[in-house]
Amino acid sequence: MKSYFILIVAAALSGYFEPSMSKLQAQTLDLKGAWQTELRGNQITMICSQQYFSVSIYDFQNKKFEGTHGGSYKVEGNELIALIEFHSMNPELVGNVIRSRIDLQNNTLTVNTRSEMVPWKQIDDGTPGQLAGAWFITGRIRNGQMGKMNPGARRTMKILSGTRFQWIAYNVETKEFSGTGGGSYTSEGGKYAESIEFFSRDSSKVGQTLNFDFSLNDGNWQHKGLSSKGEAIDEVWAKREKLGL
């Protein structure tokens, strides 16, 4: 089963490998938003910001998380070039650059691999949510005091399209994957709500909706409410591009 899902991940974003690249930039085709495909009862969701992406594989009905991977990307002509930062099923791929031939027509993204063509349907283009982009957590407020967190090798990233979200905890140096969760979200009138569709650490949380108050101040995103464990949280997130990581 594990090898089967590694194959799915390869079909999602693979072609051939080359050594690690320090940074990926530039874009032609616009992939921003959320994309989905299905295979053998599993939903595969890809979220793309301007420079970063995540792919999650899960069975929502049976509350079963299968795997995730992601990192930074660019598009050159009809080639998708991805630098892998985290990979829950195959951590030895962290640091590798993967190239795939792609085609985008009528809101369908086709990824051509060595073995097959994988079609992805676009489910949003980065709207209508107000928080589309890749974010790093940079602070937690406890007892009125801000505890700053400086992302380095150990990172917690949250990536959102206009309707979908995913958070991922990982370490780019040790290649360790620590956990992830995601699903759909809304952000209206200062209220932010997450509906959980997969959770690697605790499948019993699938189906929950978490509600928060949120605000955007100087480009930073602050939200506070209750976590999936029922604990009070007050967090600050910064756009990844702003941090230069």
Protein backbone atom coordinates (compact mmCIF):
# COMPACT_ATOMS: atom_id res chain seq x y z
CA MET A 1 0.00 0.00 0.00
CA LYS A 2 2.79 2.42 0.85
CA SER A 3 4.49 1.90 -2.51
CA TYR A 4 1.15 2.42 -4.26
CA PHE A 5 0.71 5.83 -2.72
CA ILE A 6 4.29 6.80 -3.48
CA LEU A 7 3.33 6.03 -7.08
CA ILE A 8 0.31 8.34 -6.77
CA VAL A 9 2.54 11.11 -5.46
CA ALA A 10 4.90 10.51 -8.35
CA ALA A 11 1.96 10.79 -10.72
CA ALA A 12 0.90 14.01 -9.06
CA LEU A 13 4.22 15.79 -9.43
CA SER A 14 7.01 13.85 -11.05
CA GLY A 15 8.90 13.30 -14.20
CA TYR A 16 12.60 13.18 -13.57
CA PHE A 17 14.92 14.32 -10.80
CA GLU A 18 17.90 16.61 -10.58
CA PRO A 19 20.03 17.83 -7.63
CA SER A 20 18.70 20.39 -5.17
CA MET A 21 18.27 23.99 -6.35
CA SER A 22 18.70 26.86 -3.91
CA LYS A 23 15.62 28.81 -4.98
CA LEU A 24 12.82 28.58 -7.49
CA GLN A 25 11.33 31.64 -9.16
CA ALA A 26 9.52 32.71 -12.35
CA GLN A 27 6.12 31.70 -13.65
CA THR A 28 4.30 31.45 -16.96
CA LEU A 29 1.11 29.41 -16.52
CA ASP A 30 -0.80 30.60 -13.47
CA LEU A 31 -1.48 27.69 -11.10
CA LYS A 32 -2.65 29.76 -8.12
CA GLY A 33 -5.64 28.23 -6.35
CA ALA A 34 -6.74 24.71 -5.48
CA TRP A 35 -6.84 21.61 -7.66
CA GLN A 36 -8.31 18.17 -7.07
CA THR A 37 -8.25 14.70 -8.55
CA GLU A 38 -9.42 11.31 -7.30
CA LEU A 39 -7.94 7.83 -7.50
CA ARG A 40 -9.38 4.63 -6.05
CA GLY A 41 -11.56 6.37 -3.50
CA ASN A 42 -8.88 8.79 -2.34
CA GLN A 43 -9.09 12.53 -2.80
CA ILE A 44 -5.90 14.30 -3.83
CA THR A 45 -5.85 18.07 -3.29
CA MET A 46 -3.13 20.44 -4.44
CA ILE A 47 -2.93 24.03 -3.18
CA CYS A 48 -0.70 26.49 -5.03
CA SER A 49 0.26 29.99 -3.97
CA GLN A 50 2.45 32.13 -6.21
CA GLN A 51 5.61 30.20 -5.30
CA TYR A 52 4.66 27.34 -2.97
CA PHE A 53 2.48 24.22 -3.11
CA SER A 54 1.22 21.28 -1.10
CA VAL A 55 -0.38 18.00 -2.12
CA SER A 56 -2.49 15.94 0.29
CA ILE A 57 -3.88 12.43 -0.20
CA TYR A 58 -6.72 11.21 2.00
CA ASP A 59 -9.98 9.28 2.28
CA PHE A 60 -12.45 11.73 3.79
CA GLN A 61 -15.31 9.26 4.20
CA ASN A 62 -13.19 6.80 6.18
CA LYS A 63 -11.16 9.54 7.92
CA LYS A 64 -7.90 8.10 6.66
CA PHE A 65 -4.87 10.24 5.90
CA GLU A 66 -2.46 8.72 3.37
CA GLY A 67 0.28 11.25 2.77
CA THR A 68 1.44 14.72 1.80
CA HIS A 69 4.34 16.47 0.11
CA GLY A 70 5.16 19.96 -1.09
CA GLY A 71 7.58 22.84 -1.24
CA SER A 72 8.32 25.57 -3.77
CA TYR A 73 7.72 25.56 -7.49
CA LYS A 74 7.96 27.47 -10.73
CA VAL A 75 6.60 26.99 -14.24
CA GLU A 76 8.77 27.40 -17.31
CA GLY A 77 6.82 27.04 -20.53
CA ASN A 78 4.97 23.74 -20.18
CA GLU A 79 7.25 22.39 -17.47
CA LEU A 80 6.44 22.34 -13.75
CA ILE A 81 9.58 22.39 -11.59
CA ALA A 82 9.11 21.56 -7.90
CA LEU A 83 11.65 21.68 -5.07
CA ILE A 84 10.50 19.21 -2.40
CA GLU A 85 10.67 20.53 1.21
CA PHE A 86 8.57 17.88 2.97
CA HIS A 87 7.42 14.39 2.06
CA SER A 88 5.61 12.25 4.60
CA MET A 89 5.94 8.95 2.70
CA ASN A 90 9.31 9.31 1.05
CA PRO A 91 11.50 11.75 3.06
CA GLU A 92 14.60 10.96 1.01
CA LEU A 93 13.01 13.05 -1.75
CA VAL A 94 13.36 16.21 0.37
CA GLY A 95 15.81 18.51 -1.36
CA ASN A 96 15.19 17.00 -4.80
CA VAL A 97 13.89 18.94 -7.77
CA ILE A 98 11.15 17.19 -9.73
CA ARG A 99 10.18 18.18 -13.27
CA SER A 100 6.85 17.40 -14.96
CA ARG A 101 5.29 18.24 -18.30
CA ILE A 102 1.97 20.02 -17.84
CA ASP A 103 -0.93 21.37 -19.90
CA LEU A 104 -3.65 23.77 -18.72
CA GLN A 105 -6.92 24.05 -20.64
CA ASN A 106 -10.50 24.84 -19.55
CA ASN A 107 -9.61 24.78 -15.82
CA THR A 108 -8.12 21.30 -16.16
CA LEU A 109 -4.43 20.84 -15.38
CA THR A 110 -2.91 17.72 -16.92
CA VAL A 111 0.36 16.46 -15.47
CA ASN A 112 2.23 14.12 -17.79
CA THR A 113 4.41 11.52 -16.13
CA ARG A 114 6.40 8.68 -17.55
CA SER A 115 3.52 6.25 -16.98
CA GLU A 116 0.26 8.21 -17.30
CA MET A 117 -1.54 11.54 -17.60
CA VAL A 118 -3.12 12.86 -14.41
CA PRO A 119 -5.96 15.42 -14.82
CA TRP A 120 -6.61 17.95 -12.02
CA LYS A 121 -9.79 20.05 -11.93
CA GLN A 122 -9.46 23.58 -10.58
CA ILE A 123 -11.81 24.17 -7.65
CA ASP A 124 -10.81 27.79 -7.00
CA ASP A 125 -8.46 30.43 -8.39
CA GLY A 126 -7.35 31.87 -5.06
CA THR A 127 -10.71 33.50 -4.30
CA PRO A 128 -12.98 34.27 -2.49
CA GLY A 129 -11.06 33.78 0.77
CA GLN A 130 -8.98 36.67 2.11
CA LEU A 131 -6.00 34.59 3.21
CA ALA A 132 -4.72 32.93 0.05
CA GLY A 133 -0.96 32.39 0.18
CA ALA A 134 1.77 30.58 2.11
CA TRP A 135 2.27 31.58 5.75
CA PHE A 136 4.75 30.73 8.52
CA ILE A 137 3.76 30.93 12.17
CA THR A 138 5.85 33.65 13.82
CA GLY A 139 4.30 34.10 17.25
CA ARG A 140 1.92 32.88 19.94
CA ILE A 141 0.33 35.17 22.49
CA ARG A 142 -0.03 33.80 26.01
CA ASN A 143 -1.14 35.83 29.03
CA GLY A 144 -0.93 38.96 26.92
CA GLN A 145 2.72 38.34 26.05
CA MET A 146 3.98 37.64 22.55
CA GLY A 147 6.27 34.65 22.21
CA LYS A 148 8.16 35.08 18.96
CA MET A 149 8.95 32.12 16.71
CA ASN A 150 11.59 32.43 14.01
CA PRO A 151 11.15 29.90 11.20
CA GLY A 152 14.36 28.16 10.31
CA ALA A 153 14.95 24.53 9.43
CA ARG A 154 12.02 23.56 11.64
CA ARG A 155 8.87 25.06 10.14
CA THR A 156 5.12 25.21 10.49
CA MET A 157 3.60 26.40 7.23
CA LYS A 158 -0.03 27.01 6.42
CA ILE A 159 -0.95 27.31 2.75
CA LEU A 160 -4.35 28.50 1.59
CA SER A 161 -6.17 28.96 -1.69
CA GLY A 162 -9.50 30.78 -1.83
CA THR A 163 -11.40 27.88 -0.24
CA ARG A 164 -8.84 25.26 0.89
CA PHE A 165 -6.20 25.18 3.62
CA GLN A 166 -3.44 22.90 4.86
CA TRP A 167 -0.92 23.24 7.66
CA ILE A 168 2.30 21.22 7.72
CA ALA A 169 5.00 20.85 10.41
CA TYR A 170 8.37 19.66 9.12
CA ASN A 171 12.15 20.07 9.24
CA VAL A 172 14.03 20.78 6.01
CA GLU A 173 17.40 19.73 7.47
CA THR A 174 16.48 16.43 9.13
CA LYS A 175 13.74 15.76 6.51
CA GLU A 176 11.41 14.94 9.40
CA PHE A 177 7.65 15.26 8.87
CA SER A 178 5.78 16.03 12.11
CA GLY A 179 2.13 16.38 11.14
CA THR A 180 -0.50 17.98 8.96
CA GLY A 181 -4.19 18.74 8.67
CA GLY A 182 -6.45 20.50 6.26
CA GLY A 183 -9.75 20.86 4.48
CA SER A 184 -11.90 23.84 3.53
CA TYR A 185 -12.16 27.31 5.08
CA THR A 186 -14.11 30.56 5.01
CA SER A 187 -13.04 34.07 6.02
CA GLU A 188 -15.79 36.65 6.27
CA GLY A 189 -16.44 39.62 8.53
CA GLY A 190 -13.44 38.97 10.76
CA LYS A 191 -14.48 35.34 11.26
CA TYR A 192 -12.28 32.48 10.09
CA ALA A 193 -13.58 28.88 10.08
CA GLU A 194 -11.75 25.65 9.23
CA SER A 195 -13.62 22.46 8.35
CA ILE A 196 -11.23 19.55 8.88
CA GLU A 197 -11.14 16.87 6.18
CA PHE A 198 -7.88 15.15 7.15
CA PHE A 199 -5.64 15.14 10.21
CA SER A 200 -2.52 12.98 10.37
CA ARG A 201 -2.28 12.97 14.16
CA ASP A 202 -5.90 12.33 15.16
CA SER A 203 -8.48 11.11 12.66
CA SER A 204 -11.28 11.62 15.20
CA LYS A 205 -11.02 15.38 14.50
CA VAL A 206 -12.11 14.90 10.88
CA GLY A 207 -15.49 16.54 10.39
CA GLN A 208 -14.95 19.20 13.05
CA THR A 209 -15.28 22.90 12.26
CA LEU A 210 -13.02 25.28 14.18
CA ASN A 211 -14.06 28.93 14.49
CA PHE A 212 -11.72 31.87 15.07
CA ASP A 213 -11.66 35.65 15.13
CA PHE A 214 -9.06 36.94 12.69
CA SER A 215 -7.48 40.19 11.55
CA LEU A 216 -4.80 41.32 9.11
CA ASN A 217 -2.37 43.91 10.49
CA ASP A 218 0.68 45.16 8.58
CA GLY A 219 0.52 42.04 6.44
CA ASN A 220 0.42 39.71 9.44
CA TRP A 221 -2.49 37.37 10.12
CA GLN A 222 -3.66 36.95 13.71
CA HIS A 223 -6.36 34.54 14.74
CA LYS A 224 -7.64 33.37 18.08
CA GLY A 225 -10.11 30.78 19.19
CA LEU A 226 -10.04 27.14 20.26
CA SER A 227 -7.84 24.42 18.79
CA SER A 228 -9.05 20.94 17.84
CA LYS A 229 -8.15 19.92 21.41
CA GLY A 230 -10.35 22.67 22.82
CA GLU A 231 -7.37 24.72 23.96
CA ALA A 232 -7.29 28.51 23.59
CA ILE A 233 -4.91 29.72 20.90
CA ASP A 234 -3.85 33.17 19.76
CA GLU A 235 -1.40 32.98 16.86
CA VAL A 236 0.37 35.33 14.47
CA TRP A 237 1.35 34.26 10.95
CA ALA A 238 3.47 36.09 8.36
CA LYS A 239 3.48 35.66 4.59
CA ARG A 240 6.34 33.40 3.62
CA GLU A 241 7.48 35.73 0.84
CA LYS A 242 7.82 38.51 3.41
CA LEU A 243 10.18 36.35 5.47
CA GLY A 244 12.28 35.40 2.46
CA LEU A 245 12.25 31.66 3.18
